[in-house]
Protein backbone atom coordinates (compact mmCIF):
# COMPACT_ATOMS: atom_id res chain seq x y z
CA MET A 1 0.15 0.29 0.29
CA SER A 2 1.70 3.64 -0.95
CA ALA A 3 0.54 7.12 -1.01
CA ARG A 4 1.78 10.29 -2.89
CA ALA A 5 1.75 12.90 -0.87
CA THR A 6 0.40 16.00 -3.22
CA PRO A 7 0.22 19.64 -2.50
CA LYS A 8 -3.78 20.60 -2.80
CA PRO A 9 -4.55 22.68 -6.03
CA GLU A 10 -4.46 26.08 -5.37
CA ALA A 11 -7.48 28.24 -5.90
CA ARG A 12 -7.81 29.59 -9.58
CA PRO A 13 -9.90 33.08 -10.10
CA ALA A 14 -12.89 32.13 -11.74
CA LEU A 15 -13.03 32.82 -15.70
CA THR A 16 -14.67 35.66 -17.10
CA LYS A 17 -17.39 35.01 -19.60
CA ARG A 18 -15.24 36.49 -22.62
CA ALA A 19 -12.40 34.34 -21.41
CA SER A 20 -15.19 31.02 -21.29
CA LEU A 21 -15.47 31.84 -25.00
CA GLY A 22 -11.61 31.46 -25.93
CA PRO A 23 -9.88 34.46 -26.72
CA ARG A 24 -9.11 35.19 -30.09
CA SER A 25 -5.57 34.99 -31.58
CA LEU A 26 -3.88 38.89 -31.89
CA ARG A 27 -1.95 37.23 -34.82
CA VAL A 28 -5.25 35.99 -36.23
CA SER A 29 -7.26 39.18 -35.58
CA LEU A 30 -4.56 41.26 -36.95
CA LEU A 31 -4.29 38.85 -40.32
CA LEU A 32 -8.42 39.23 -40.58
CA TRP A 33 -7.90 43.00 -40.15
CA LEU A 34 -5.67 43.07 -42.84
CA ILE A 35 -6.83 40.57 -45.49
CA LEU A 36 -10.92 40.39 -45.14
CA PRO A 37 -10.93 43.84 -46.84
CA LEU A 38 -9.25 42.72 -49.82
CA LEU A 39 -12.35 39.88 -50.47
CA PRO A 40 -14.67 42.34 -51.60
CA LEU A 41 -11.81 44.54 -53.53
CA ALA A 42 -10.94 41.46 -55.08
CA LEU A 43 -14.77 40.86 -55.91
CA LEU A 44 -15.33 44.30 -57.28
CA LEU A 45 -12.19 43.62 -59.23
CA SER A 46 -13.15 40.86 -60.93
CA VAL A 47 -16.59 42.41 -61.85
CA LEU A 48 -14.61 44.61 -63.73
CA ILE A 49 -12.03 42.73 -65.38
CA TYR A 50 -15.10 40.24 -66.71
CA TRP A 51 -16.90 43.70 -67.97
CA GLY A 52 -13.25 45.33 -69.65
CA ALA A 53 -12.73 41.64 -70.99
CA GLU A 54 -16.15 41.80 -72.60
CA GLN A 55 -16.06 45.55 -73.81
CA ALA A 56 -12.52 44.29 -75.44
CA ALA A 57 -13.98 41.09 -77.16
CA ASP A 58 -16.85 43.07 -78.45
CA SER A 59 -14.45 45.75 -80.02
CA ALA A 60 -12.05 43.23 -81.01
CA TYR A 61 -15.21 40.92 -82.98
CA ASP A 62 -17.05 44.17 -83.99
CA ARG A 63 -14.28 44.88 -86.18
CA VAL A 64 -14.24 41.92 -88.08
CA LEU A 65 -18.07 42.22 -88.10
CA ARG A 66 -17.84 45.44 -89.76
CA ALA A 67 -14.77 44.57 -92.41
CA SER A 68 -17.40 41.95 -93.44
CA ALA A 69 -20.42 43.95 -93.77
CA LEU A 70 -18.22 46.51 -95.87
CA ALA A 71 -17.15 43.63 -98.06
CA ILE A 72 -20.41 42.92 -98.76
CA ALA A 73 -21.53 45.93 -99.43
CA ASP A 74 -18.52 46.51 -101.71
CA ARG A 75 -20.09 44.09 -104.12
CA VAL A 76 -23.77 45.64 -104.26
CA ILE A 77 -24.90 46.72 -107.60
CA ILE A 78 -27.50 48.30 -109.87
CA GLY A 79 -28.77 45.80 -111.98
CA SER A 80 -31.76 45.67 -114.32
CA ASN A 81 -33.88 45.02 -111.51
CA GLY A 82 -32.59 47.41 -109.37
CA LEU A 83 -30.07 46.06 -106.69
CA GLU A 84 -28.10 43.13 -106.78
CA VAL A 85 -25.35 41.68 -104.80
CA ASP A 86 -22.98 39.01 -105.20
CA VAL A 87 -21.57 38.08 -101.67
CA PRO A 88 -17.84 37.15 -101.22
CA TYR A 89 -17.13 34.17 -99.80
CA ALA A 90 -14.17 35.85 -98.48
CA ALA A 91 -16.61 38.06 -96.29
CA LEU A 92 -18.07 35.35 -94.81
CA GLU A 93 -15.01 32.93 -93.83
CA MET A 94 -13.33 35.52 -92.10
CA LEU A 95 -16.46 35.12 -89.40
CA SER A 96 -16.18 31.31 -89.16
CA SER A 97 -13.00 31.28 -86.95
CA ALA A 98 -15.25 29.95 -84.44
CA ALA A 99 -16.63 26.60 -84.88
CA ASN A 100 -19.53 26.65 -82.19
CA ASP A 101 -20.54 30.01 -83.66
CA ARG A 102 -23.58 30.75 -86.42
CA ILE A 103 -23.13 33.82 -88.52
CA PHE A 104 -26.64 35.64 -90.04
CA TYR A 105 -26.75 38.68 -92.36
CA VAL A 106 -29.21 40.59 -94.65
CA VAL A 107 -28.90 43.03 -97.46
CA LYS A 108 -32.01 45.40 -97.72
CA GLN A 109 -32.94 48.49 -99.84
CA LEU A 110 -34.56 51.04 -97.77
CA GLU A 111 -36.74 52.93 -99.53
CA PRO A 112 -38.52 51.17 -100.69
CA GLU A 113 -37.85 48.66 -97.92
CA THR A 114 -37.01 45.33 -100.15
CA ILE A 115 -35.10 42.09 -99.12
CA ILE A 116 -32.00 42.03 -101.41
CA THR A 117 -30.75 38.68 -100.03
CA GLY A 118 -30.23 37.12 -96.41
CA TYR A 119 -32.43 35.98 -93.43
CA GLU A 120 -35.97 38.12 -93.85
CA THR A 121 -36.76 39.06 -90.04
CA LEU A 122 -33.07 39.51 -88.88
CA ALA A 123 -33.49 42.72 -87.38
CA THR A 124 -31.68 46.30 -88.63
CA PRO A 125 -31.56 49.89 -87.13
CA THR A 126 -34.38 52.27 -87.91
CA ALA A 127 -34.00 55.34 -89.28
CA GLN A 128 -33.67 57.38 -86.15
CA GLN A 129 -30.88 54.95 -84.46
CA TRP A 130 -28.43 55.75 -87.06
CA PRO A 131 -25.46 57.69 -86.10
CA GLN A 132 -23.74 59.84 -87.92
CA GLU A 133 -20.76 57.23 -88.50
CA ASN A 134 -23.33 55.03 -90.83
CA TRP A 135 -22.95 52.22 -89.13
CA LEU A 136 -23.94 50.68 -85.85
CA ALA A 137 -22.98 47.82 -83.61
CA TYR A 138 -26.16 46.42 -81.45
CA ASN A 139 -27.04 43.24 -79.91
CA GLN A 140 -30.86 41.23 -80.60
CA ASP A 141 -32.81 38.28 -79.85
CA PHE A 142 -33.19 36.05 -83.22
CA ARG A 143 -34.49 32.49 -82.95
CA ASN A 144 -34.12 32.09 -79.25
CA LEU A 145 -30.39 32.92 -79.86
CA GLU A 146 -28.53 36.04 -78.58
CA LEU A 147 -26.88 37.65 -81.39
CA ARG A 148 -23.91 40.60 -81.42
CA SER A 149 -24.91 42.28 -84.88
CA LEU A 150 -23.09 45.50 -86.96
CA ALA A 151 -24.92 47.08 -89.71
CA ILE A 152 -23.84 49.52 -92.18
CA ARG A 153 -25.55 52.21 -94.29
CA ALA A 154 -24.49 52.99 -97.85
CA LYS A 155 -25.61 54.06 -101.46
CA ALA A 156 -25.19 52.47 -104.41
CA TRP A 157 -25.43 55.37 -107.01
CA SER A 158 -27.59 55.34 -110.71
CA ALA A 159 -28.42 57.42 -113.44
CA GLN A 160 -31.69 58.29 -111.55
CA GLY A 161 -29.86 58.96 -108.60
CA PRO A 162 -28.33 57.26 -105.56
CA ILE A 163 -30.77 53.75 -103.72
CA ASP A 164 -29.63 54.03 -100.17
CA PHE A 165 -29.67 50.15 -98.42
CA VAL A 166 -28.50 48.17 -95.41
CA VAL A 167 -25.64 45.59 -94.85
CA ALA A 168 -26.33 43.14 -91.63
CA VAL A 169 -24.19 40.73 -90.40
CA ALA A 170 -24.69 38.75 -86.70
CA GLU A 171 -22.93 35.87 -84.96
CA THR A 172 -23.32 34.19 -81.77
CA ASN A 173 -21.49 35.23 -78.59
CA GLY A 174 -19.64 31.88 -78.01
CA GLU A 175 -16.41 33.39 -78.97
CA ARG A 176 -17.05 36.47 -77.52
CA GLN A 177 -18.20 35.26 -73.85
CA ALA A 178 -15.16 32.37 -73.90
CA LEU A 179 -12.67 35.14 -74.84
CA ALA A 180 -13.81 37.34 -71.76
CA ARG A 181 -13.83 34.33 -69.49
CA SER A 182 -10.28 33.58 -70.13
CA VAL A 183 -9.25 37.17 -69.32
CA LEU A 184 -11.37 36.64 -66.21
CA TRP A 185 -9.70 33.30 -65.41
CA GLN A 186 -5.94 34.91 -65.91
CA GLY A 187 -7.34 38.35 -63.80
CA MET A 188 -8.52 36.30 -60.95
CA GLY A 189 -5.20 33.87 -61.31
CA LEU A 190 -3.15 37.36 -60.99
CA LEU A 191 -5.37 38.29 -57.94
CA ALA A 192 -4.95 35.36 -56.30
CA LEU A 193 -1.50 35.58 -56.46
CA ILE A 194 -1.34 39.24 -55.53
CA VAL A 195 -3.63 38.08 -51.89
CA LEU A 196 -1.11 34.77 -51.47
CA ALA A 197 1.22 37.82 -51.36
CA ALA A 198 -0.42 39.87 -49.08
CA VAL A 199 -0.98 37.30 -46.76
CA ALA A 200 2.26 36.31 -46.87
CA VAL A 201 3.75 39.93 -46.46
CA ALA A 202 0.91 40.18 -43.61
CA LEU A 203 1.82 37.37 -41.82
CA ILE A 204 5.66 38.41 -41.79
CA GLY A 205 4.92 41.50 -40.21
CA ILE A 206 2.73 40.33 -37.79
CA HIS A 207 5.07 37.99 -36.68
CA ARG A 208 8.13 41.08 -36.38
CA SER A 209 5.59 43.43 -34.54
CA LEU A 210 4.72 40.73 -32.33
CA ALA A 211 8.18 39.21 -31.73
CA PRO A 212 9.02 41.70 -28.47
CA LEU A 213 5.86 40.03 -27.05
CA SER A 214 7.21 36.71 -27.44
CA ARG A 215 10.84 37.74 -26.06
CA ILE A 216 9.02 39.24 -22.70
CA GLU A 217 7.01 36.43 -23.06
CA ALA A 218 10.16 33.89 -23.16
CA ALA A 219 11.87 36.19 -20.35
CA ILE A 220 9.18 35.59 -17.99
CA GLY A 221 9.06 31.74 -18.71
CA ARG A 222 12.59 31.43 -17.40
CA ARG A 223 11.78 33.00 -14.09
CA SER A 224 11.33 31.18 -11.49
CA ASP A 225 8.52 31.79 -9.28
CA ARG A 226 10.12 34.04 -6.60
CA ASP A 227 11.76 36.30 -8.95
CA LEU A 228 10.11 39.72 -9.01
CA ARG A 229 12.82 41.69 -10.30
CA PRO A 230 11.12 44.22 -12.88
CA LEU A 231 11.31 43.39 -16.39
CA ALA A 232 14.08 45.32 -18.45
CA HIS A 233 13.53 44.66 -22.10
CA PRO A 234 13.20 46.94 -25.50
CA ALA A 235 9.32 47.11 -26.64
CA PRO A 236 7.10 49.29 -28.98
CA ARG A 237 5.86 52.26 -27.78
CA GLU A 238 1.95 50.85 -27.96
CA ILE A 239 3.57 47.68 -25.42
CA GLU A 240 5.51 50.23 -23.14
CA PRO A 241 2.43 51.36 -21.00
CA LEU A 242 1.56 47.30 -20.19
CA LEU A 243 5.32 46.53 -19.39
CA SER A 244 5.02 49.40 -16.96
CA GLU A 245 1.76 48.29 -15.39
CA VAL A 246 3.44 44.63 -14.98
CA ASN A 247 6.38 45.77 -13.43
CA ALA A 248 4.61 48.23 -11.16
CA LEU A 249 2.62 44.80 -10.19
CA LEU A 250 5.35 43.06 -9.47
CA GLU A 251 7.03 45.70 -7.43
CA ARG A 252 3.75 45.59 -5.53
CA LEU A 253 3.75 42.20 -4.80
CA LYS A 254 7.45 42.21 -4.00
CA LEU A 255 6.83 44.84 -1.12
CA ALA A 256 4.22 42.76 -0.28
CA LEU A 257 6.46 39.87 0.14
CA ASP A 258 9.17 41.88 1.70
CA SER A 259 6.66 43.20 4.50
CA GLN A 260 5.93 39.78 5.19
CA LYS A 261 9.58 38.07 5.71
CA ARG A 262 9.99 40.99 8.14
CA PHE A 263 6.82 40.01 9.75
CA VAL A 264 8.28 36.50 10.28
CA SER A 265 11.63 37.54 11.00
CA ASP A 266 9.98 39.73 13.63
CA VAL A 267 7.81 37.18 15.34
CA SER A 268 10.44 34.95 15.27
CA HIS A 269 12.72 37.34 17.16
CA GLU A 270 9.49 38.39 19.87
CA LEU A 271 8.21 35.00 20.39
CA ARG A 272 11.44 33.45 21.28
CA THR A 273 12.17 35.04 24.08
CA PRO A 274 9.26 35.21 26.13
CA LEU A 275 8.67 31.82 25.90
CA ALA A 276 12.11 30.85 27.16
CA GLU A 277 11.83 33.42 29.87
CA ILE A 278 8.32 31.24 30.82
CA GLN A 279 10.31 28.20 31.03
CA THR A 280 12.87 29.38 33.04
CA ARG A 281 10.74 30.89 35.26
CA LEU A 282 8.89 27.79 35.49
CA ASP A 283 11.80 25.43 36.25
CA ARG A 284 12.35 28.27 39.33
CA LEU A 285 9.05 28.15 40.59
CA ALA A 286 9.45 24.23 40.55
CA SER A 287 12.49 24.11 42.58
CA GLU A 288 10.97 26.67 45.24
CA GLN A 289 7.55 24.74 45.15
CA PRO A 290 7.88 21.18 45.10
CA HIS A 291 4.75 20.30 45.87
CA LEU A 292 3.65 21.92 42.63
CA ALA A 293 6.17 19.99 40.54
CA ARG A 294 3.83 18.03 38.59
CA THR A 295 1.71 21.23 37.89
CA TYR A 296 4.79 22.90 36.79
CA GLN A 297 6.23 19.73 34.58
CA GLY A 298 2.59 20.11 32.87
CA LEU A 299 2.79 23.77 32.05
CA LYS A 300 6.35 23.44 31.08
CA MET A 301 5.33 20.86 28.48
CA GLN A 302 2.57 22.85 27.27
CA VAL A 303 5.32 25.75 27.10
CA GLU A 304 7.81 23.52 25.17
CA SER A 305 4.78 22.07 22.87
CA THR A 306 4.13 26.02 22.01
CA LYS A 307 7.79 26.73 21.33
CA ARG A 308 7.97 23.95 18.87
CA LEU A 309 4.71 24.73 16.97
CA THR A 310 5.93 28.67 16.72
CA LYS A 311 9.42 27.08 15.09
CA GLN A 312 7.17 25.09 12.73
CA LEU A 313 4.93 27.54 12.10
CA LEU A 314 7.85 30.15 11.18
CA LEU A 315 10.07 27.61 9.47
CA LEU A 316 6.76 26.80 7.26
CA SER A 317 6.48 30.46 6.53
CA SER A 318 10.03 30.94 5.45
CA ILE A 319 10.00 28.48 3.18
CA GLU A 320 6.58 29.39 1.50
CA THR A 321 7.02 33.21 1.46
CA ASP A 322 10.94 33.00 0.04
CA ALA A 323 12.72 34.17 3.69
CA ILE A 324 15.54 31.65 1.94
CA GLU A 325 16.97 33.45 -1.06
CA ASN A 326 16.62 31.15 -4.30
CA GLU A 327 21.02 32.06 -4.12
CA SER A 328 21.36 30.03 -1.13
CA PHE A 329 20.63 26.82 -3.00
CA ARG A 330 24.00 25.23 -3.88
CA ARG A 331 25.25 21.89 -5.30
CA LEU A 332 25.85 19.53 -2.45
CA ASP A 333 26.56 15.78 -1.37
CA LEU A 334 23.27 14.80 -0.05
CA ASN A 335 25.42 11.80 0.89
CA ALA A 336 27.63 13.90 2.98
CA LEU A 337 24.52 15.90 4.59
CA LEU A 338 22.71 12.76 5.35
CA ARG A 339 26.06 11.03 7.44
CA GLU A 340 26.68 14.46 9.29
CA ILE A 341 23.21 14.33 10.50
CA GLY A 342 22.54 11.06 11.31
CA ALA A 343 26.01 11.50 13.37
CA LYS A 344 24.27 14.49 15.24
CA ARG A 345 21.06 12.85 15.83
CA ALA A 346 22.99 9.68 16.54
CA ALA A 347 22.26 9.94 20.31
CA GLY A 348 19.14 11.63 20.93
CA LEU A 349 17.89 8.63 18.91
CA MET A 350 19.20 5.96 20.95
CA SER A 351 17.92 7.53 23.91
CA ALA A 352 14.71 7.60 22.72
CA GLY A 353 14.75 3.72 22.24
CA PHE A 354 16.02 3.61 18.70
CA THR A 355 19.10 2.47 17.06
CA PRO A 356 19.87 4.55 13.49
CA GLN A 357 20.26 2.12 10.89
CA PHE A 358 22.54 3.68 7.86
CA ASP A 359 22.64 2.37 4.23
CA LEU A 360 24.34 4.98 2.06
CA PRO A 361 26.09 4.63 -1.22
CA ASP A 362 29.93 4.66 -1.53
CA GLU A 363 29.74 7.65 -4.12
CA PRO A 364 28.45 11.07 -3.89
CA VAL A 365 24.94 12.29 -4.53
CA MET A 366 24.67 15.59 -5.78
CA VAL A 367 21.82 17.86 -5.60
CA LEU A 368 20.73 21.76 -6.06
CA GLY A 369 19.62 22.45 -2.52
CA ASN A 370 19.51 24.32 0.64
CA ALA A 371 21.52 22.29 3.02
CA LEU A 372 19.49 23.80 6.12
CA LEU A 373 16.20 23.29 4.54
CA LEU A 374 17.22 19.79 3.90
CA GLU A 375 18.65 19.39 7.19
CA ARG A 376 15.69 20.40 9.01
CA ALA A 377 13.15 18.09 6.75
CA VAL A 378 15.27 15.46 7.50
CA ALA A 379 15.30 16.00 11.07
CA ASN A 380 11.29 16.50 10.93
CA LEU A 381 10.89 13.08 9.64
CA LEU A 382 13.54 11.76 12.68
CA ASP A 383 11.45 13.36 14.98
CA ASN A 384 8.03 12.28 13.30
CA ALA A 385 9.51 8.62 13.76
CA VAL A 386 10.49 9.16 17.68
CA ARG A 387 6.81 10.01 18.46
CA HIS A 388 4.81 8.15 16.46
CA GLY A 389 7.65 5.21 16.10
CA GLN A 390 7.02 1.85 18.26
CA SER A 391 10.15 1.45 20.37
CA PRO A 392 12.91 -0.10 21.24
CA ALA A 393 13.37 -0.39 17.33
CA ASN A 394 15.26 0.44 14.17
CA ILE A 395 15.08 3.98 12.26
CA ASP A 396 16.43 3.19 8.90
CA LEU A 397 18.15 6.38 6.96
CA SER A 398 18.89 5.03 3.26
CA LEU A 399 19.71 7.01 -0.09
CA THR A 400 18.84 5.59 -3.49
CA THR A 401 19.31 7.08 -6.74
CA GLN A 402 17.60 5.82 -9.79
CA ASP A 403 16.28 7.07 -13.17
CA GLY A 404 18.24 10.24 -12.61
CA LYS A 405 16.34 10.92 -9.11
CA ALA A 406 17.46 10.40 -5.26
CA CYS A 407 15.55 9.29 -3.21
CA LEU A 408 16.20 9.97 1.03
CA ALA A 409 14.15 7.69 2.84
CA VAL A 410 13.45 7.49 6.73
CA SER A 411 11.68 4.53 7.79
CA ASN A 412 10.54 2.97 11.23
CA PRO A 413 8.13 0.38 12.94
CA ALA A 414 4.77 1.83 13.36
CA PRO A 415 1.05 0.68 12.76
CA THR A 416 -0.22 -0.04 9.17
CA MET A 417 -2.48 2.87 7.89
CA SER A 418 -4.85 3.05 5.09
CA ALA A 419 -4.33 5.29 1.98
CA ALA A 420 -6.90 7.83 2.84
CA THR A 421 -4.59 8.34 6.23
CA LEU A 422 -1.53 8.29 4.48
CA ALA A 423 -3.01 11.10 2.00
CA SER A 424 -3.95 13.01 5.22
CA LEU A 425 -0.91 12.81 6.71
CA THR A 426 0.82 16.00 5.23
CA GLN A 427 -2.21 18.34 5.56
CA ARG A 428 -1.34 20.86 8.31
CA PHE A 429 -2.79 20.99 11.46
CA VAL A 430 -4.07 17.11 11.20
CA LYS A 431 -3.23 14.82 14.28
CA HIS A 432 -2.73 11.46 13.76
CA SER A 433 -1.57 10.99 17.87
CA ASP A 434 -2.29 12.02 21.39
CA HIS A 435 1.57 12.88 21.48
CA PRO A 436 1.76 16.14 23.49
CA THR A 437 4.74 17.67 21.22
CA SER A 438 2.81 17.08 18.13
CA SER A 439 1.76 20.15 15.86
CA GLY A 440 0.49 18.43 13.02
CA LEU A 441 2.97 19.97 10.97
CA GLY A 442 5.92 17.76 10.68
CA LEU A 443 5.11 16.19 7.30
CA ALA A 444 3.54 19.54 5.83
CA ILE A 445 7.13 21.39 6.23
CA VAL A 446 9.06 18.19 4.83
CA LEU A 447 6.55 18.55 1.69
CA SER A 448 7.39 22.43 1.36
CA VAL A 449 10.72 21.64 1.68
CA CYS A 450 10.32 18.71 -1.34
CA GLN A 451 8.60 20.74 -3.32
CA ARG A 452 10.79 24.20 -2.71
CA HIS A 453 13.60 21.34 -4.24
CA ARG A 454 11.45 20.26 -7.24
CA GLY A 455 10.87 17.13 -5.70
CA ASP A 456 8.07 15.52 -3.96
CA LEU A 457 7.07 13.52 -0.82
CA GLN A 458 6.32 9.47 -1.10
CA LEU A 459 4.90 7.89 2.16
CA THR A 460 4.25 4.14 2.21
CA SER A 461 2.75 1.87 5.06
CA GLN A 462 3.09 -1.85 5.04
CA SER A 463 3.37 -4.68 7.01
CA GLY A 464 4.28 -2.80 10.18
CA GLN A 465 6.70 -0.24 8.89
CA PHE A 466 6.11 3.34 7.99
CA THR A 467 8.50 5.17 5.12
CA ALA A 468 8.96 8.62 4.00
CA CYS A 469 10.92 9.40 0.71
CA MET A 470 11.80 12.73 -0.10
CA VAL A 471 12.29 12.42 -3.87
CA PHE A 472 14.90 15.15 -5.44
CA PRO A 473 16.39 15.53 -9.00
CA ILE A 474 19.92 14.54 -9.22
CA ALA A 475 22.39 17.92 -10.17
CA GLU A 476 23.77 17.65 -13.64
CA THR A 477 27.24 15.96 -13.52
CA ARG A 478 30.08 18.31 -13.86
CA SER A 479 33.74 18.79 -12.68
CA ASN A 480 34.23 20.45 -9.07
CA SER A 481 35.78 23.41 -10.32
CA GLU A 482 32.94 24.64 -12.61
CA PRO A 483 31.07 27.16 -11.37
CA ASP A 484 27.14 26.82 -10.29
CA LYS A 485 25.29 27.92 -13.09
CA ARG A 486 22.42 29.42 -10.55
CA GLN A 487 25.10 31.62 -8.65
CA SER A 488 26.73 32.75 -11.88
CA SER A 489 23.22 33.82 -13.55
CA ALA A 490 21.81 35.08 -10.36
CA SER A 491 24.84 37.27 -9.88
CA ASN A 492 25.48 38.28 -13.60
CA GLU A 493 21.43 39.95 -13.52
CA PRO A 494 20.73 43.52 -13.07
CA ASN A 495 18.89 43.65 -9.36
CA ALA A 496 19.61 40.21 -8.17
CA THR A 497 19.01 39.71 -4.71
CA PRO A 498 22.24 39.32 -2.35
CA GLN A 499 22.79 35.74 -0.73
CA THR A 500 21.32 36.28 2.97
CA ASN A 501 23.15 34.23 5.86
CA GLU A 502 20.14 34.68 7.85
CA PRO A 503 19.01 31.75 9.98
CA VAL A 504 16.44 29.34 9.41
CA PRO A 505 13.83 29.37 12.27
CA SER A 506 14.28 25.49 13.66
């Protein structure tokens, strides 16, 4: 049976309605504002291109129609029975370039109106529609077909005078529309390339414009959760107000934490002295009034419990409020530290009826940590074993390494506990024994120390044996002469917090 002690999830502020809907990406918003206006413009340009292509196609094909009509008009003569025409083959051949188009023509005398040759029902302009140029291009419907027509008004001269006639030539619009669509598709392809180029340029511009935000984000991401120095990064004028507000917030947080650190230090100093004086006076009163010795002894135990609770609370507050500076973390040999702690506490453990047993490796086990915090955490585990263990028995101290992690374990005989009970052991002020000096904070402090060292606390209880294992990441292997990277980077950064030698409450 095993359990892993994990911290309670931190309370997070309730998300606003806007945030719950998912904020839009700034890059996407900028890209949309740059690209969306191009869509109606591209549509308008497509319409203009198609209109221009139709006009160009009509102009080109109308010239062919006019040439064909002029060729026919040149062959109109006055015969014995009036006007006659010999339609030349070349006049119609020049109109037969499109296999799917159909050709129609008509030649008629105006006064009196007489059809000379061609399609009788093919419409020609009325007398009022003729312009001064004596030729006119127009559209008409003929036999359920849409035709483009061109008519020429000319005169044939005879002895009696001129005779007015009209030559009209028409064709279907298949070739014209095909040419217009071809020009439209080419224009739209060019527009698509322009839009894609605009998108590419916009993406590059947006990326370069938002690069300062990415640099600021990376700078914040590289910081620890306790680094509250102002951000000193160049930023565009539009981002400077935001950066100033963030720095102002960091400064307010730093002031609040500094105030809390001073409070912890003041409380540590102000509480120790009165409690020590009370204990001294109780000792003197117990010696002066032997008949009240048992009463004074009970009061002394209450004072001792209060002193221990105060020390534990101050230590927990120091860990969580960063009273122990980041710069005090160094590469240290966990193996040597555990041997030193065992040597200091061996006599006390044996006097309490426990025999310390060490299972330590021969080589150093290097971690990045604070020796005072680690020593206090191991001391809490040993005190916990003495208060809640079953003596006489052994207390095993072991150190093992696996998968880049070190496990510092303290094990002692104790009644087997359920998984739910194990999970509650690291909660503050939760006691599972009636020991008078138990504060319910020992394992909570050990968990905080593990988390401060980017580690974890694992608790197991099986076969009458309770084991608490502090797991830490092993520091990278390097030569002893190489300077500590964390120390160097901290000392090179501006406004780095100076190292403090303030003792940790214990």
